[in-house]
PDB file of all heavy atoms in Angstrom:
ATOM      1  N   THR A   1       1.438   6.120  -9.559  1.00  0.00           N
ATOM      2  CA  THR A   1       0.296   5.218  -9.406  1.00  0.00           C
ATOM      3  C   THR A   1       0.579   3.840 -10.003  1.00  0.00           C
ATOM      4  O   THR A   1      -0.038   2.853  -9.592  1.00  0.00           O
ATOM      5  CB  THR A   1      -0.954   5.816 -10.076  1.00  0.00           C
ATOM      6  OG1 THR A   1      -0.651   6.129 -11.454  1.00  0.00           O
ATOM      7  CG2 THR A   1      -1.395   7.092  -9.374  1.00  0.00           C
ATOM      8  N   ARG A   2       1.494   3.747 -10.958  1.00  0.00           N
ATOM      9  CA  ARG A   2       1.783   2.432 -11.542  1.00  0.00           C
ATOM     10  C   ARG A   2       2.597   1.556 -10.593  1.00  0.00           C
ATOM     11  O   ARG A   2       2.727   0.346 -10.826  1.00  0.00           O
ATOM     12  CB  ARG A   2       2.508   2.590 -12.886  1.00  0.00           C
ATOM     13  CG  ARG A   2       3.895   3.182 -12.814  1.00  0.00           C
ATOM     14  CD  ARG A   2       4.465   3.394 -14.224  1.00  0.00           C
ATOM     15  NE  ARG A   2       5.828   3.890 -14.231  1.00  0.00           N
ATOM     16  CZ  ARG A   2       6.161   5.165 -14.092  1.00  0.00           C
ATOM     17  NH1 ARG A   2       5.217   6.081 -13.939  1.00  0.00           N
ATOM     18  NH2 ARG A   2       7.435   5.540 -14.117  1.00  0.00           N
ATOM     19  N   PHE A   3       3.158   2.146  -9.552  1.00  0.00           N
ATOM     20  CA  PHE A   3       3.926   1.381  -8.568  1.00  0.00           C
ATOM     21  C   PHE A   3       3.170   1.238  -7.251  1.00  0.00           C
ATOM     22  O   PHE A   3       3.157   0.169  -6.643  1.00  0.00           O
ATOM     23  CB  PHE A   3       5.283   2.043  -8.304  1.00  0.00           C
ATOM     24  CG  PHE A   3       6.122   2.205  -9.531  1.00  0.00           C
ATOM     25  CD1 PHE A   3       6.898   3.334  -9.719  1.00  0.00           C
ATOM     26  CD2 PHE A   3       6.143   1.226 -10.511  1.00  0.00           C
ATOM     27  CE1 PHE A   3       7.679   3.490 -10.845  1.00  0.00           C
ATOM     28  CE2 PHE A   3       6.913   1.375 -11.653  1.00  0.00           C
ATOM     29  CZ  PHE A   3       7.682   2.508 -11.822  1.00  0.00           C
ATOM     30  N   GLY A   4       2.537   2.304  -6.790  1.00  0.00           N
ATOM     31  CA  GLY A   4       1.823   2.243  -5.536  1.00  0.00           C
ATOM     32  C   GLY A   4       2.732   2.302  -4.324  1.00  0.00           C
ATOM     33  O   GLY A   4       3.939   2.553  -4.430  1.00  0.00           O
ATOM     34  N   VAL A   5       2.164   2.032  -3.173  1.00  0.00           N
ATOM     35  CA  VAL A   5       2.879   2.191  -1.906  1.00  0.00           C
ATOM     36  C   VAL A   5       3.936   1.108  -1.704  1.00  0.00           C
ATOM     37  O   VAL A   5       5.085   1.391  -1.357  1.00  0.00           O
ATOM     38  CB  VAL A   5       1.876   2.184  -0.733  1.00  0.00           C
ATOM     39  CG1 VAL A   5       2.602   2.065   0.595  1.00  0.00           C
ATOM     40  CG2 VAL A   5       1.023   3.438  -0.761  1.00  0.00           C
ATOM     41  N   ASP A   6       3.562  -0.153  -1.941  1.00  0.00           N
ATOM     42  CA  ASP A   6       4.458  -1.259  -1.591  1.00  0.00           C
ATOM     43  C   ASP A   6       5.735  -1.247  -2.419  1.00  0.00           C
ATOM     44  O   ASP A   6       6.836  -1.394  -1.885  1.00  0.00           O
ATOM     45  CB  ASP A   6       3.728  -2.595  -1.763  1.00  0.00           C
ATOM     46  CG  ASP A   6       2.568  -2.740  -0.797  1.00  0.00           C
ATOM     47  OD1 ASP A   6       2.507  -1.949   0.168  1.00  0.00           O
ATOM     48  OD2 ASP A   6       1.729  -3.634  -1.002  1.00  0.00           O
ATOM     49  N   ALA A   7       5.613  -1.086  -3.740  1.00  0.00           N
ATOM     50  CA  ALA A   7       6.800  -1.072  -4.599  1.00  0.00           C
ATOM     51  C   ALA A   7       7.660   0.151  -4.327  1.00  0.00           C
ATOM     52  O   ALA A   7       8.893   0.096  -4.447  1.00  0.00           O
ATOM     53  CB  ALA A   7       6.385  -1.119  -6.068  1.00  0.00           C
ATOM     54  N   SER A   8       7.040   1.256  -3.940  1.00  0.00           N
ATOM     55  CA  SER A   8       7.816   2.458  -3.604  1.00  0.00           C
ATOM     56  C   SER A   8       8.589   2.259  -2.309  1.00  0.00           C
ATOM     57  O   SER A   8       9.753   2.666  -2.191  1.00  0.00           O
ATOM     58  CB  SER A   8       6.880   3.659  -3.481  1.00  0.00           C
ATOM     59  OG  SER A   8       6.193   3.907  -4.691  1.00  0.00           O
ATOM     60  N   ALA A   9       7.947   1.626  -1.323  1.00  0.00           N
ATOM     61  CA  ALA A   9       8.633   1.348  -0.052  1.00  0.00           C
ATOM     62  C   ALA A   9       9.773   0.357  -0.256  1.00  0.00           C
ATOM     63  O   ALA A   9      10.844   0.487   0.351  1.00  0.00           O
ATOM     64  CB  ALA A   9       7.643   0.813   0.974  1.00  0.00           C
ATOM     65  N   LEU A  10       9.554  -0.649  -1.110  1.00  0.00           N
ATOM     66  CA  LEU A  10      10.604  -1.628  -1.402  1.00  0.00           C
ATOM     67  C   LEU A  10      11.807  -0.935  -2.021  1.00  0.00           C
ATOM     68  O   LEU A  10      12.960  -1.188  -1.636  1.00  0.00           O
ATOM     69  CB  LEU A  10      10.066  -2.700  -2.341  1.00  0.00           C
ATOM     70  CG  LEU A  10      11.094  -3.699  -2.887  1.00  0.00           C
ATOM     71  CD1 LEU A  10      11.746  -4.481  -1.751  1.00  0.00           C
ATOM     72  CD2 LEU A  10      10.437  -4.641  -3.902  1.00  0.00           C
ATOM     73  N   TRP A  11      11.561  -0.053  -2.975  1.00  0.00           N
ATOM     74  CA  TRP A  11      12.676   0.640  -3.643  1.00  0.00           C
ATOM     75  C   TRP A  11      13.421   1.537  -2.649  1.00  0.00           C
ATOM     76  O   TRP A  11      14.648   1.562  -2.638  1.00  0.00           O
ATOM     77  CB  TRP A  11      12.147   1.467  -4.810  1.00  0.00           C
ATOM     78  CG  TRP A  11      13.223   2.007  -5.700  1.00  0.00           C
ATOM     79  CD1 TRP A  11      14.182   2.929  -5.378  1.00  0.00           C
ATOM     80  CD2 TRP A  11      13.476   1.643  -7.055  1.00  0.00           C
ATOM     81  NE1 TRP A  11      14.998   3.177  -6.445  1.00  0.00           N
ATOM     82  CE2 TRP A  11      14.591   2.400  -7.486  1.00  0.00           C
ATOM     83  CE3 TRP A  11      12.861   0.774  -7.954  1.00  0.00           C
ATOM     84  CZ2 TRP A  11      15.099   2.305  -8.779  1.00  0.00           C
ATOM     85  CZ3 TRP A  11      13.363   0.685  -9.233  1.00  0.00           C
ATOM     86  CH2 TRP A  11      14.471   1.431  -9.639  1.00  0.00           C
ATOM     87  N   ALA A  12      12.684   2.280  -1.838  1.00  0.00           N
ATOM     88  CA  ALA A  12      13.328   3.180  -0.874  1.00  0.00           C
ATOM     89  C   ALA A  12      14.215   2.406   0.092  1.00  0.00           C
ATOM     90  O   ALA A  12      15.310   2.858   0.451  1.00  0.00           O
ATOM     91  CB  ALA A  12      12.265   3.967  -0.107  1.00  0.00           C
ATOM     92  N   THR A  13      13.758   1.226   0.507  1.00  0.00           N
ATOM     93  CA  THR A  13      14.552   0.402   1.415  1.00  0.00           C
ATOM     94  C   THR A  13      15.791  -0.147   0.713  1.00  0.00           C
ATOM     95  O   THR A  13      16.889  -0.150   1.277  1.00  0.00           O
ATOM     96  CB  THR A  13      13.708  -0.758   1.960  1.00  0.00           C
ATOM     97  OG1 THR A  13      12.507  -0.236   2.559  1.00  0.00           O
ATOM     98  CG2 THR A  13      14.469  -1.553   3.003  1.00  0.00           C
ATOM     99  N   ALA A  14      15.620  -0.590  -0.537  1.00  0.00           N
ATOM    100  CA  ALA A  14      16.739  -1.181  -1.275  1.00  0.00           C
ATOM    101  C   ALA A  14      17.791  -0.140  -1.628  1.00  0.00           C
ATOM    102  O   ALA A  14      18.995  -0.383  -1.489  1.00  0.00           O
ATOM    103  CB  ALA A  14      16.219  -1.863  -2.547  1.00  0.00           C
ATOM    104  N   THR A  15      17.361   1.030  -2.072  1.00  0.00           N
ATOM    105  CA  THR A  15      18.321   2.021  -2.561  1.00  0.00           C
ATOM    106  C   THR A  15      19.159   2.630  -1.448  1.00  0.00           C
ATOM    107  O   THR A  15      20.267   3.102  -1.686  1.00  0.00           O
ATOM    108  CB  THR A  15      17.583   3.130  -3.341  1.00  0.00           C
ATOM    109  OG1 THR A  15      18.519   3.889  -4.106  1.00  0.00           O
ATOM    110  CG2 THR A  15      16.841   4.081  -2.421  1.00  0.00           C
ATOM    111  N   THR A  16      18.640   2.603  -0.219  1.00  0.00           N
ATOM    112  CA  THR A  16      19.427   3.110   0.907  1.00  0.00           C
ATOM    113  C   THR A  16      20.102   1.990   1.694  1.00  0.00           C
ATOM    114  O   THR A  16      20.951   2.260   2.545  1.00  0.00           O
ATOM    115  CB  THR A  16      18.540   3.942   1.859  1.00  0.00           C
ATOM    116  OG1 THR A  16      17.346   3.210   2.172  1.00  0.00           O
ATOM    117  CG2 THR A  16      18.175   5.265   1.220  1.00  0.00           C
ATOM    118  N   SER A  17      19.727   0.729   1.431  1.00  0.00           N
ATOM    119  CA  SER A  17      20.517  -0.390   1.945  1.00  0.00           C
ATOM    120  C   SER A  17      21.836  -0.457   1.191  1.00  0.00           C
ATOM    121  O   SER A  17      22.893  -0.666   1.773  1.00  0.00           O
ATOM    122  CB  SER A  17      19.749  -1.706   1.776  1.00  0.00           C
ATOM    123  OG  SER A  17      18.584  -1.719   2.558  1.00  0.00           O
ATOM    124  N   ALA A  18      21.751  -0.291  -0.121  1.00  0.00           N
ATOM    125  CA  ALA A  18      22.952  -0.168  -0.947  1.00  0.00           C
ATOM    126  C   ALA A  18      23.279   1.317  -1.102  1.00  0.00           C
ATOM    127  O   ALA A  18      22.445   2.176  -0.833  1.00  0.00           O
ATOM    128  CB  ALA A  18      22.709  -0.807  -2.310  1.00  0.00           C
ATOM    129  N   SER A  19      24.489   1.592  -1.548  1.00  0.00           N
ATOM    130  CA  SER A  19      24.850   2.990  -1.784  1.00  0.00           C
ATOM    131  C   SER A  19      24.433   3.360  -3.207  1.00  0.00           C
ATOM    132  O   SER A  19      25.258   3.727  -4.034  1.00  0.00           O
ATOM    133  CB  SER A  19      26.350   3.207  -1.576  1.00  0.00           C
ATOM    134  OG  SER A  19      27.092   2.379  -2.453  1.00  0.00           O
ATOM    135  N   ASN A  20      23.135   3.240  -3.475  1.00  0.00           N
ATOM    136  CA  ASN A  20      22.633   3.452  -4.837  1.00  0.00           C
ATOM    137  C   ASN A  20      22.112   4.868  -5.022  1.00  0.00           C
ATOM    138  O   ASN A  20      22.650   5.647  -5.781  1.00  0.00           O
ATOM    139  CB  ASN A  20      21.549   2.421  -5.148  1.00  0.00           C
ATOM    140  CG  ASN A  20      21.046   2.504  -6.572  1.00  0.00           C
ATOM    141  OD1 ASN A  20      20.076   3.184  -6.869  1.00  0.00           O
ATOM    142  ND2 ASN A  20      21.729   1.812  -7.475  1.00  0.00           N
ATOM    143  N   GLY A  21      21.046   5.212  -4.312  1.00  0.00           N
ATOM    144  CA  GLY A  21      20.541   6.572  -4.365  1.00  0.00           C
ATOM    145  C   GLY A  21      19.490   6.836  -5.405  1.00  0.00           C
ATOM    146  O   GLY A  21      18.894   7.913  -5.413  1.00  0.00           O
ATOM    147  N   SER A  22      19.237   5.894  -6.333  1.00  0.00           N
ATOM    148  CA  SER A  22      18.155   6.111  -7.291  1.00  0.00           C
ATOM    149  C   SER A  22      16.810   6.002  -6.573  1.00  0.00           C
ATOM    150  O   SER A  22      16.699   5.368  -5.525  1.00  0.00           O
ATOM    151  CB  SER A  22      18.222   5.084  -8.419  1.00  0.00           C
ATOM    152  OG  SER A  22      18.009   3.773  -7.919  1.00  0.00           O
ATOM    153  N   VAL A  23      15.788   6.623  -7.137  1.00  0.00           N
ATOM    154  CA  VAL A  23      14.468   6.642  -6.490  1.00  0.00           C
ATOM    155  C   VAL A  23      13.383   6.407  -7.531  1.00  0.00           C
ATOM    156  O   VAL A  23      13.544   6.748  -8.700  1.00  0.00           O
ATOM    157  CB  VAL A  23      14.199   7.985  -5.771  1.00  0.00           C
ATOM    158  CG1 VAL A  23      15.180   8.205  -4.631  1.00  0.00           C
ATOM    159  CG2 VAL A  23      14.259   9.154  -6.753  1.00  0.00           C
ATOM    160  N   ASN A  24      12.285   5.798  -7.108  1.00  0.00           N
ATOM    161  CA  ASN A  24      11.090   5.735  -7.954  1.00  0.00           C
ATOM    162  C   ASN A  24       9.929   6.469  -7.298  1.00  0.00           C
ATOM    163  O   ASN A  24       8.796   6.399  -7.759  1.00  0.00           O
ATOM    164  CB  ASN A  24      10.710   4.287  -8.268  1.00  0.00           C
ATOM    165  CG  ASN A  24      10.123   3.553  -7.073  1.00  0.00           C
ATOM    166  OD1 ASN A  24      10.231   3.997  -5.928  1.00  0.00           O
ATOM    167  ND2 ASN A  24       9.511   2.411  -7.331  1.00  0.00           N
ATOM    168  N   SER A  25      10.216   7.153  -6.202  1.00  0.00           N
ATOM    169  CA  SER A  25       9.230   8.000  -5.524  1.00  0.00           C
ATOM    170  C   SER A  25      10.029   9.057  -4.758  1.00  0.00           C
ATOM    171  O   SER A  25      11.242   8.942  -4.621  1.00  0.00           O
ATOM    172  CB  SER A  25       8.353   7.180  -4.568  1.00  0.00           C
ATOM    173  OG  SER A  25       9.156   6.537  -3.589  1.00  0.00           O
ATOM    174  N   MET A  26       9.334  10.058  -4.272  1.00  0.00           N
ATOM    175  CA  MET A  26      10.023  11.137  -3.570  1.00  0.00           C
ATOM    176  C   MET A  26      10.055  10.853  -2.071  1.00  0.00           C
ATOM    177  O   MET A  26       9.009  10.842  -1.413  1.00  0.00           O
ATOM    178  CB  MET A  26       9.322  12.473  -3.843  1.00  0.00           C
ATOM    179  CG  MET A  26       9.318  12.882  -5.313  1.00  0.00           C
ATOM    180  SD  MET A  26      10.982  13.060  -5.999  1.00  0.00           S
ATOM    181  CE  MET A  26      11.161  11.565  -6.974  1.00  0.00           C
ATOM    182  N   HIS A  27      11.241  10.600  -1.547  1.00  0.00           N
ATOM    183  CA  HIS A  27      11.370  10.270  -0.126  1.00  0.00           C
ATOM    184  C   HIS A  27      10.920  11.418   0.772  1.00  0.00           C
ATOM    185  O   HIS A  27      10.498  11.192   1.907  1.00  0.00           O
ATOM    186  CB  HIS A  27      12.822   9.897   0.197  1.00  0.00           C
ATOM    187  CG  HIS A  27      13.283   8.658  -0.495  1.00  0.00           C
ATOM    188  ND1 HIS A  27      14.569   8.164  -0.377  1.00  0.00           N
ATOM    189  CD2 HIS A  27      12.629   7.793  -1.323  1.00  0.00           C
ATOM    190  CE1 HIS A  27      14.687   7.052  -1.093  1.00  0.00           C
ATOM    191  NE2 HIS A  27      13.530   6.823  -1.680  1.00  0.00           N
ATOM    192  N   ASP A  28      10.997  12.626   0.279  1.00  0.00           N
ATOM    193  CA  ASP A  28      10.569  13.782   1.057  1.00  0.00           C
ATOM    194  C   ASP A  28       9.073  13.743   1.340  1.00  0.00           C
ATOM    195  O   ASP A  28       8.590  14.361   2.280  1.00  0.00           O
ATOM    196  CB  ASP A  28      10.928  15.065   0.302  1.00  0.00           C
ATOM    197  CG  ASP A  28      10.830  16.305   1.186  1.00  0.00           C
ATOM    198  OD1 ASP A  28      11.298  16.241   2.335  1.00  0.00           O
ATOM    199  OD2 ASP A  28      10.293  17.327   0.731  1.00  0.00           O
ATOM    200  N   SER A  29       8.325  12.993   0.504  1.00  0.00           N
ATOM    201  CA  SER A  29       6.875  12.911   0.659  1.00  0.00           C
ATOM    202  C   SER A  29       6.439  11.698   1.473  1.00  0.00           C
ATOM    203  O   SER A  29       5.239  11.494   1.654  1.00  0.00           O
ATOM    204  CB  SER A  29       6.207  12.854  -0.728  1.00  0.00           C
ATOM    205  OG  SER A  29       6.424  14.047  -1.437  1.00  0.00           O
ATOM    206  N   PHE A  30       7.372  10.896   1.941  1.00  0.00           N
ATOM    207  CA  PHE A  30       7.011   9.750   2.767  1.00  0.00           C
ATOM    208  C   PHE A  30       6.453  10.235   4.104  1.00  0.00           C
ATOM    209  O   PHE A  30       6.678  11.372   4.524  1.00  0.00           O
ATOM    210  CB  PHE A  30       8.234   8.864   3.021  1.00  0.00           C
ATOM    211  CG  PHE A  30       8.515   7.874   1.918  1.00  0.00           C
ATOM    212  CD1 PHE A  30       8.229   8.180   0.595  1.00  0.00           C
ATOM    213  CD2 PHE A  30       9.079   6.647   2.180  1.00  0.00           C
ATOM    214  CE1 PHE A  30       8.490   7.286  -0.432  1.00  0.00           C
ATOM    215  CE2 PHE A  30       9.356   5.735   1.178  1.00  0.00           C
ATOM    216  CZ  PHE A  30       9.057   6.057  -0.127  1.00  0.00           C
ATOM    217  N   THR A  31       5.714   9.362   4.763  1.00  0.00           N
ATOM    218  CA  THR A  31       5.293   9.667   6.118  1.00  0.00           C
ATOM    219  C   THR A  31       6.533   9.795   6.998  1.00  0.00           C
ATOM    220  O   THR A  31       7.618   9.318   6.632  1.00  0.00           O
ATOM    221  CB  THR A  31       4.389   8.549   6.682  1.00  0.00           C
ATOM    222  OG1 THR A  31       5.141   7.324   6.708  1.00  0.00           O
ATOM    223  CG2 THR A  31       3.140   8.369   5.830  1.00  0.00           C
ATOM    224  N   PRO A  32       6.420  10.421   8.174  1.00  0.00           N
ATOM    225  CA  PRO A  32       7.616  10.580   9.009  1.00  0.00           C
ATOM    226  C   PRO A  32       8.338   9.281   9.315  1.00  0.00           C
ATOM    227  O   PRO A  32       9.567   9.201   9.184  1.00  0.00           O
ATOM    228  CB  PRO A  32       7.060  11.238  10.280  1.00  0.00           C
ATOM    229  CG  PRO A  32       5.858  11.990   9.813  1.00  0.00           C
ATOM    230  CD  PRO A  32       5.259  11.157   8.721  1.00  0.00           C
ATOM    231  N   LEU A  33       7.598   8.239   9.687  1.00  0.00           N
ATOM    232  CA  LEU A  33       8.246   6.965   9.993  1.00  0.00           C
ATOM    233  C   LEU A  33       8.672   6.241   8.724  1.00  0.00           C
ATOM    234  O   LEU A  33       9.654   5.480   8.732  1.00  0.00           O
ATOM    235  CB  LEU A  33       7.315   6.077  10.819  1.00  0.00           C
ATOM    236  CG  LEU A  33       6.989   6.584  12.228  1.00  0.00           C
ATOM    237  CD1 LEU A  33       6.191   5.542  13.001  1.00  0.00           C
ATOM    238  CD2 LEU A  33       8.258   6.942  12.994  1.00  0.00           C
ATOM    239  N   GLY A  34       7.949   6.463   7.614  1.00  0.00           N
ATOM    240  CA  GLY A  34       8.380   5.903   6.342  1.00  0.00           C
ATOM    241  C   GLY A  34       9.703   6.495   5.903  1.00  0.00           C
ATOM    242  O   GLY A  34      10.590   5.783   5.423  1.00  0.00           O
TER     243      GLY A  34
END
């Protein structure tokens, strides 16, 4: 809740743009298109 949707989406996009792999939310819980 301290990050919300937008910051979580930003992190998911950044971490898979780079070969980083760290997460601040669970990608398994994203919507299908998310």
